[in-house]
Each structure stands twice: as structure tokens, then as C-alpha cells.
Amino acid sequence: MGFSFSAQPAFLYQSSSGYIFSLRIPKDLKALVGKTEFRYSLRTGALRAARFRARSIASFIQ
């Protein structure tokens, strides 16, 4: 039994213009929030800065 850690969090994606934070909203909260996901540009092309920003946003949302 082993663990596998990815280089970047599951809610962090790279696009051609930089990194994007994307987190799906649970079905029971979609009507309340009015969206299916939170999606924000992290305004950086640096992975280290993107990880920090994405984790900060994720902890705030959760």
C-alpha cells in the first residue's frame, strides 16, 4: 500500500496564459451558489506562486 502525491493540487490547472484555480461545487450547494464551479485565474506563470495562491483560495472557500 503506497501513496502517490502529484506535483500540483487537484484544483490547480495550467493554461497557455498561466495557472487557474478550479474547484467543483457540490450538487447540494449549486442552487445556493448559482454556479457549478469556482474558477479563478491565479495571475501567475510560476508554479510555486500558483500553488500558494491556489491553496489559500481553497482553504478560504472550504
PDB file of N, CA and C in Angstrom:
ATOM      1  N   MET A   1       0.850  -1.170   0.000  1.00  0.00           N
ATOM      2  CA  MET A   1       0.000   0.000   0.000  1.00  0.00           C
ATOM      3  C   MET A   1       0.890   1.225   0.000  1.00  0.00           C
ATOM      4  N   GLY A   2       0.748   2.036  -1.013  1.00  0.00           N
ATOM      5  CA  GLY A   2       1.567   3.226  -1.117  1.00  0.00           C
ATOM      6  C   GLY A   2       0.728   4.437  -1.447  1.00  0.00           C
ATOM      7  N   PHE A   3       1.317   5.566  -1.265  1.00  0.00           N
ATOM      8  CA  PHE A   3       0.645   6.815  -1.556  1.00  0.00           C
ATOM      9  C   PHE A   3       1.310   7.475  -2.742  1.00  0.00           C
ATOM     10  N   SER A   4       0.512   8.168  -3.509  1.00  0.00           N
ATOM     11  CA  SER A   4       1.045   8.884  -4.661  1.00  0.00           C
ATOM     12  C   SER A   4       0.651  10.351  -4.544  1.00  0.00           C
ATOM     13  N   PHE A   5       1.626  11.207  -4.543  1.00  0.00           N
ATOM     14  CA  PHE A   5       1.371  12.636  -4.460  1.00  0.00           C
ATOM     15  C   PHE A   5       1.697  13.275  -5.796  1.00  0.00           C
ATOM     16  N   SER A   6       0.766  14.086  -6.287  1.00  0.00           N
ATOM     17  CA  SER A   6       1.021  14.764  -7.553  1.00  0.00           C
ATOM     18  C   SER A   6       1.826  16.030  -7.283  1.00  0.00           C
ATOM     19  N   ALA A   7       2.418  16.563  -8.313  1.00  0.00           N
ATOM     20  CA  ALA A   7       3.250  17.756  -8.183  1.00  0.00           C
ATOM     21  C   ALA A   7       2.421  18.994  -7.883  1.00  0.00           C
ATOM     22  N   GLN A   8       1.162  18.970  -8.256  1.00  0.00           N
ATOM     23  CA  GLN A   8       0.313  20.123  -8.003  1.00  0.00           C
ATOM     24  C   GLN A   8      -1.045  19.669  -7.489  1.00  0.00           C
ATOM     25  N   PRO A   9      -1.703  20.513  -6.699  1.00  0.00           N
ATOM     26  CA  PRO A   9      -3.011  20.153  -6.159  1.00  0.00           C
ATOM     27  C   PRO A   9      -4.036  19.897  -7.258  1.00  0.00           C
ATOM     28  N   ALA A  10      -5.083  19.140  -6.935  1.00  0.00           N
ATOM     29  CA  ALA A  10      -6.104  18.760  -7.915  1.00  0.00           C
ATOM     30  C   ALA A  10      -6.875  19.963  -8.449  1.00  0.00           C
ATOM     31  N   PHE A  11      -6.893  21.055  -7.716  1.00  0.00           N
ATOM     32  CA  PHE A  11      -7.660  22.232  -8.140  1.00  0.00           C
ATOM     33  C   PHE A  11      -6.799  23.254  -8.868  1.00  0.00           C
ATOM     34  N   LEU A  12      -5.596  22.886  -9.239  1.00  0.00           N
ATOM     35  CA  LEU A  12      -4.670  23.781  -9.929  1.00  0.00           C
ATOM     36  C   LEU A  12      -4.429  23.264 -11.341  1.00  0.00           C
ATOM     37  N   TYR A  13      -4.717  24.106 -12.330  1.00  0.00           N
ATOM     38  CA  TYR A  13      -4.553  23.729 -13.733  1.00  0.00           C
ATOM     39  C   TYR A  13      -3.706  24.758 -14.461  1.00  0.00           C
ATOM     40  N   GLN A  14      -2.948  24.292 -15.423  1.00  0.00           N
ATOM     41  CA  GLN A  14      -2.120  25.193 -16.217  1.00  0.00           C
ATOM     42  C   GLN A  14      -2.777  25.438 -17.571  1.00  0.00           C
ATOM     43  N   SER A  15      -2.836  26.703 -17.952  1.00  0.00           N
ATOM     44  CA  SER A  15      -3.336  27.063 -19.275  1.00  0.00           C
ATOM     45  C   SER A  15      -2.203  27.758 -20.023  1.00  0.00           C
ATOM     46  N   SER A  16      -2.464  28.152 -21.235  1.00  0.00           N
ATOM     47  CA  SER A  16      -1.422  28.813 -22.017  1.00  0.00           C
ATOM     48  C   SER A  16      -1.057  30.182 -21.449  1.00  0.00           C
ATOM     49  N   SER A  17      -1.971  30.785 -20.682  1.00  0.00           N
ATOM     50  CA  SER A  17      -1.701  32.118 -20.137  1.00  0.00           C
ATOM     51  C   SER A  17      -1.237  32.094 -18.685  1.00  0.00           C
ATOM     52  N   GLY A  18      -1.212  30.934 -18.053  1.00  0.00           N
ATOM     53  CA  GLY A  18      -0.782  30.840 -16.663  1.00  0.00           C
ATOM     54  C   GLY A  18      -1.549  29.756 -15.933  1.00  0.00           C
ATOM     55  N   TYR A  19      -1.663  29.884 -14.624  1.00  0.00           N
ATOM     56  CA  TYR A  19      -2.343  28.876 -13.816  1.00  0.00           C
ATOM     57  C   TYR A  19      -3.747  29.325 -13.438  1.00  0.00           C
ATOM     58  N   ILE A  20      -4.626  28.342 -13.300  1.00  0.00           N
ATOM     59  CA  ILE A  20      -6.036  28.581 -12.995  1.00  0.00           C
ATOM     60  C   ILE A  20      -6.438  27.725 -11.796  1.00  0.00           C
ATOM     61  N   PHE A  21      -7.208  28.321 -10.900  1.00  0.00           N
ATOM     62  CA  PHE A  21      -7.795  27.602  -9.780  1.00  0.00           C
ATOM     63  C   PHE A  21      -9.198  27.191 -10.191  1.00  0.00           C
ATOM     64  N   SER A  22      -9.548  25.927 -10.009  1.00  0.00           N
ATOM     65  CA  SER A  22     -10.875  25.438 -10.353  1.00  0.00           C
ATOM     66  C   SER A  22     -11.306  24.414  -9.324  1.00  0.00           C
ATOM     67  N   LEU A  23     -12.469  24.648  -8.704  1.00  0.00           N
ATOM     68  CA  LEU A  23     -12.983  23.746  -7.683  1.00  0.00           C
ATOM     69  C   LEU A  23     -14.474  23.541  -7.917  1.00  0.00           C
ATOM     70  N   ARG A  24     -14.887  22.280  -8.069  1.00  0.00           N
ATOM     71  CA  ARG A  24     -16.301  21.970  -8.290  1.00  0.00           C
ATOM     72  C   ARG A  24     -17.108  22.230  -7.035  1.00  0.00           C
ATOM     73  N   ILE A  25     -18.330  22.685  -7.227  1.00  0.00           N
ATOM     74  CA  ILE A  25     -19.245  22.929  -6.120  1.00  0.00           C
ATOM     75  C   ILE A  25     -20.122  21.695  -5.960  1.00  0.00           C
ATOM     76  N   PRO A  26     -20.310  21.198  -4.735  1.00  0.00           N
ATOM     77  CA  PRO A  26     -21.172  20.024  -4.526  1.00  0.00           C
ATOM     78  C   PRO A  26     -22.594  20.264  -5.029  1.00  0.00           C
ATOM     79  N   LYS A  27     -23.234  19.204  -5.473  1.00  0.00           N
ATOM     80  CA  LYS A  27     -24.584  19.294  -6.056  1.00  0.00           C
ATOM     81  C   LYS A  27     -25.577  19.969  -5.124  1.00  0.00           C
ATOM     82  N   ASP A  28     -25.516  19.664  -3.841  1.00  0.00           N
ATOM     83  CA  ASP A  28     -26.493  20.223  -2.909  1.00  0.00           C
ATOM     84  C   ASP A  28     -26.299  21.721  -2.669  1.00  0.00           C
ATOM     85  N   LEU A  29     -25.160  22.275  -3.067  1.00  0.00           N
ATOM     86  CA  LEU A  29     -24.910  23.710  -2.886  1.00  0.00           C
ATOM     87  C   LEU A  29     -25.019  24.517  -4.176  1.00  0.00           C
ATOM     88  N   LYS A  30     -25.183  23.853  -5.310  1.00  0.00           N
ATOM     89  CA  LYS A  30     -25.231  24.550  -6.597  1.00  0.00           C
ATOM     90  C   LYS A  30     -26.363  25.565  -6.675  1.00  0.00           C
ATOM     91  N   ALA A  31     -27.525  25.222  -6.174  1.00  0.00           N
ATOM     92  CA  ALA A  31     -28.671  26.146  -6.212  1.00  0.00           C
ATOM     93  C   ALA A  31     -28.410  27.367  -5.339  1.00  0.00           C
ATOM     94  N   LEU A  32     -27.760  27.171  -4.219  1.00  0.00           N
ATOM     95  CA  LEU A  32     -27.457  28.266  -3.306  1.00  0.00           C
ATOM     96  C   LEU A  32     -26.404  29.214  -3.872  1.00  0.00           C
ATOM     97  N   VAL A  33     -25.360  28.638  -4.468  1.00  0.00           N
ATOM     98  CA  VAL A  33     -24.248  29.425  -5.004  1.00  0.00           C
ATOM     99  C   VAL A  33     -24.567  29.979  -6.385  1.00  0.00           C
ATOM    100  N   GLY A  34     -25.277  29.213  -7.199  1.00  0.00           N
ATOM    101  CA  GLY A  34     -25.621  29.649  -8.544  1.00  0.00           C
ATOM    102  C   GLY A  34     -24.549  29.361  -9.579  1.00  0.00           C
ATOM    103  N   LYS A  35     -23.604  28.515  -9.240  1.00  0.00           N
ATOM    104  CA  LYS A  35     -22.516  28.128 -10.144  1.00  0.00           C
ATOM    105  C   LYS A  35     -22.276  26.628 -10.018  1.00  0.00           C
ATOM    106  N   THR A  36     -21.558  26.072 -10.987  1.00  0.00           N
ATOM    107  CA  THR A  36     -21.182  24.667 -10.892  1.00  0.00           C
ATOM    108  C   THR A  36     -19.739  24.512 -10.425  1.00  0.00           C
ATOM    109  N   GLU A  37     -18.950  25.576 -10.541  1.00  0.00           N
ATOM    110  CA  GLU A  37     -17.570  25.533 -10.061  1.00  0.00           C
ATOM    111  C   GLU A  37     -17.052  26.942  -9.797  1.00  0.00           C
ATOM    112  N   PHE A  38     -16.071  27.014  -8.919  1.00  0.00           N
ATOM    113  CA  PHE A  38     -15.326  28.250  -8.716  1.00  0.00           C
ATOM    114  C   PHE A  38     -14.130  28.172  -9.651  1.00  0.00           C
ATOM    115  N   ARG A  39     -13.916  29.203 -10.442  1.00  0.00           N
ATOM    116  CA  ARG A  39     -12.804  29.209 -11.390  1.00  0.00           C
ATOM    117  C   ARG A  39     -12.200  30.602 -11.411  1.00  0.00           C
ATOM    118  N   TYR A  40     -10.921  30.683 -11.059  1.00  0.00           N
ATOM    119  CA  TYR A  40     -10.234  31.968 -10.979  1.00  0.00           C
ATOM    120  C   TYR A  40      -8.846  31.864 -11.588  1.00  0.00           C
ATOM    121  N   SER A  41      -8.434  32.910 -12.273  1.00  0.00           N
ATOM    122  CA  SER A  41      -7.071  32.997 -12.763  1.00  0.00           C
ATOM    123  C   SER A  41      -6.185  33.354 -11.582  1.00  0.00           C
ATOM    124  N   LEU A  42      -5.050  32.684 -11.457  1.00  0.00           N
ATOM    125  CA  LEU A  42      -4.127  32.964 -10.363  1.00  0.00           C
ATOM    126  C   LEU A  42      -3.127  34.053 -10.737  1.00  0.00           C
ATOM    127  N   ARG A  43      -3.200  34.514 -11.972  1.00  0.00           N
ATOM    128  CA  ARG A  43      -2.392  35.616 -12.469  1.00  0.00           C
ATOM    129  C   ARG A  43      -0.885  35.420 -12.256  1.00  0.00           C
ATOM    130  N   THR A  44      -0.452  34.199 -12.517  1.00  0.00           N
ATOM    131  CA  THR A  44       0.970  33.901 -12.441  1.00  0.00           C
ATOM    132  C   THR A  44       1.304  32.726 -13.358  1.00  0.00           C
ATOM    133  N   GLY A  45       2.522  32.702 -13.811  1.00  0.00           N
ATOM    134  CA  GLY A  45       3.020  31.592 -14.607  1.00  0.00           C
ATOM    135  C   GLY A  45       4.000  30.753 -13.812  1.00  0.00           C
ATOM    136  N   ALA A  46       4.266  31.170 -12.573  1.00  0.00           N
ATOM    137  CA  ALA A  46       5.208  30.467 -11.703  1.00  0.00           C
ATOM    138  C   ALA A  46       4.464  29.425 -10.865  1.00  0.00           C
ATOM    139  N   LEU A  47       4.899  28.190 -10.946  1.00  0.00           N
ATOM    140  CA  LEU A  47       4.228  27.100 -10.252  1.00  0.00           C
ATOM    141  C   LEU A  47       4.231  27.308  -8.739  1.00  0.00           C
ATOM    142  N   ARG A  48       5.322  27.743  -8.190  1.00  0.00           N
ATOM    143  CA  ARG A  48       5.419  27.928  -6.734  1.00  0.00           C
ATOM    144  C   ARG A  48       4.393  28.952  -6.232  1.00  0.00           C
ATOM    145  N   ALA A  49       4.298  30.070  -6.913  1.00  0.00           N
ATOM    146  CA  ALA A  49       3.332  31.108  -6.535  1.00  0.00           C
ATOM    147  C   ALA A  49       1.903  30.614  -6.758  1.00  0.00           C
ATOM    148  N   ALA A  50       1.682  29.868  -7.835  1.00  0.00           N
ATOM    149  CA  ALA A  50       0.351  29.348  -8.142  1.00  0.00           C
ATOM    150  C   ALA A  50      -0.106  28.368  -7.070  1.00  0.00           C
ATOM    151  N   ARG A  51       0.792  27.487  -6.610  1.00  0.00           N
ATOM    152  CA  ARG A  51       0.445  26.549  -5.544  1.00  0.00           C
ATOM    153  C   ARG A  51       0.021  27.288  -4.281  1.00  0.00           C
ATOM    154  N   PHE A  52       0.796  28.279  -3.901  1.00  0.00           N
ATOM    155  CA  PHE A  52       0.489  29.051  -2.699  1.00  0.00           C
ATOM    156  C   PHE A  52      -0.868  29.739  -2.827  1.00  0.00           C
ATOM    157  N   ARG A  53      -1.099  30.403  -3.942  1.00  0.00           N
ATOM    158  CA  ARG A  53      -2.365  31.117  -4.152  1.00  0.00           C
ATOM    159  C   ARG A  53      -3.547  30.173  -4.202  1.00  0.00           C
ATOM    160  N   ALA A  54      -3.382  29.018  -4.885  1.00  0.00           N
ATOM    161  CA  ALA A  54      -4.471  28.056  -5.008  1.00  0.00           C
ATOM    162  C   ALA A  54      -4.829  27.462  -3.657  1.00  0.00           C
ATOM    163  N   ARG A  55      -3.831  27.117  -2.857  1.00  0.00           N
ATOM    164  CA  ARG A  55      -4.107  26.569  -1.535  1.00  0.00           C
ATOM    165  C   ARG A  55      -4.769  27.593  -0.630  1.00  0.00           C
ATOM    166  N   SER A  56      -4.381  28.838  -0.763  1.00  0.00           N
ATOM    167  CA  SER A  56      -5.006  29.904   0.027  1.00  0.00           C
ATOM    168  C   SER A  56      -6.482  30.065  -0.332  1.00  0.00           C
ATOM    169  N   ILE A  57      -6.777  30.062  -1.628  1.00  0.00           N
ATOM    170  CA  ILE A  57      -8.166  30.184  -2.082  1.00  0.00           C
ATOM    171  C   ILE A  57      -8.973  28.965  -1.644  1.00  0.00           C
ATOM    172  N   ALA A  58      -8.418  27.775  -1.792  1.00  0.00           N
ATOM    173  CA  ALA A  58      -9.126  26.543  -1.419  1.00  0.00           C
ATOM    174  C   ALA A  58      -9.461  26.527   0.073  1.00  0.00           C
ATOM    175  N   SER A  59      -8.518  26.920   0.903  1.00  0.00           N
ATOM    176  CA  SER A  59      -8.790  26.912   2.338  1.00  0.00           C
ATOM    177  C   SER A  59      -9.845  27.964   2.699  1.00  0.00           C
ATOM    178  N   PHE A  60      -9.843  29.085   2.019  1.00  0.00           N
ATOM    179  CA  PHE A  60     -10.854  30.122   2.271  1.00  0.00           C
ATOM    180  C   PHE A  60     -12.245  29.635   1.877  1.00  0.00           C
ATOM    181  N   ILE A  61     -12.359  28.994   0.717  1.00  0.00           N
ATOM    182  CA  ILE A  61     -13.649  28.517   0.212  1.00  0.00           C
ATOM    183  C   ILE A  61     -14.180  27.376   1.084  1.00  0.00           C
ATOM    184  N   GLN A  62     -13.309  26.452   1.427  1.00  0.00           N
ATOM    185  CA  GLN A  62     -13.759  25.283   2.193  1.00  0.00           C
ATOM    186  C   GLN A  62     -14.045  25.648   3.621  1.00  0.00           C
TER     187      GLN A  62
END
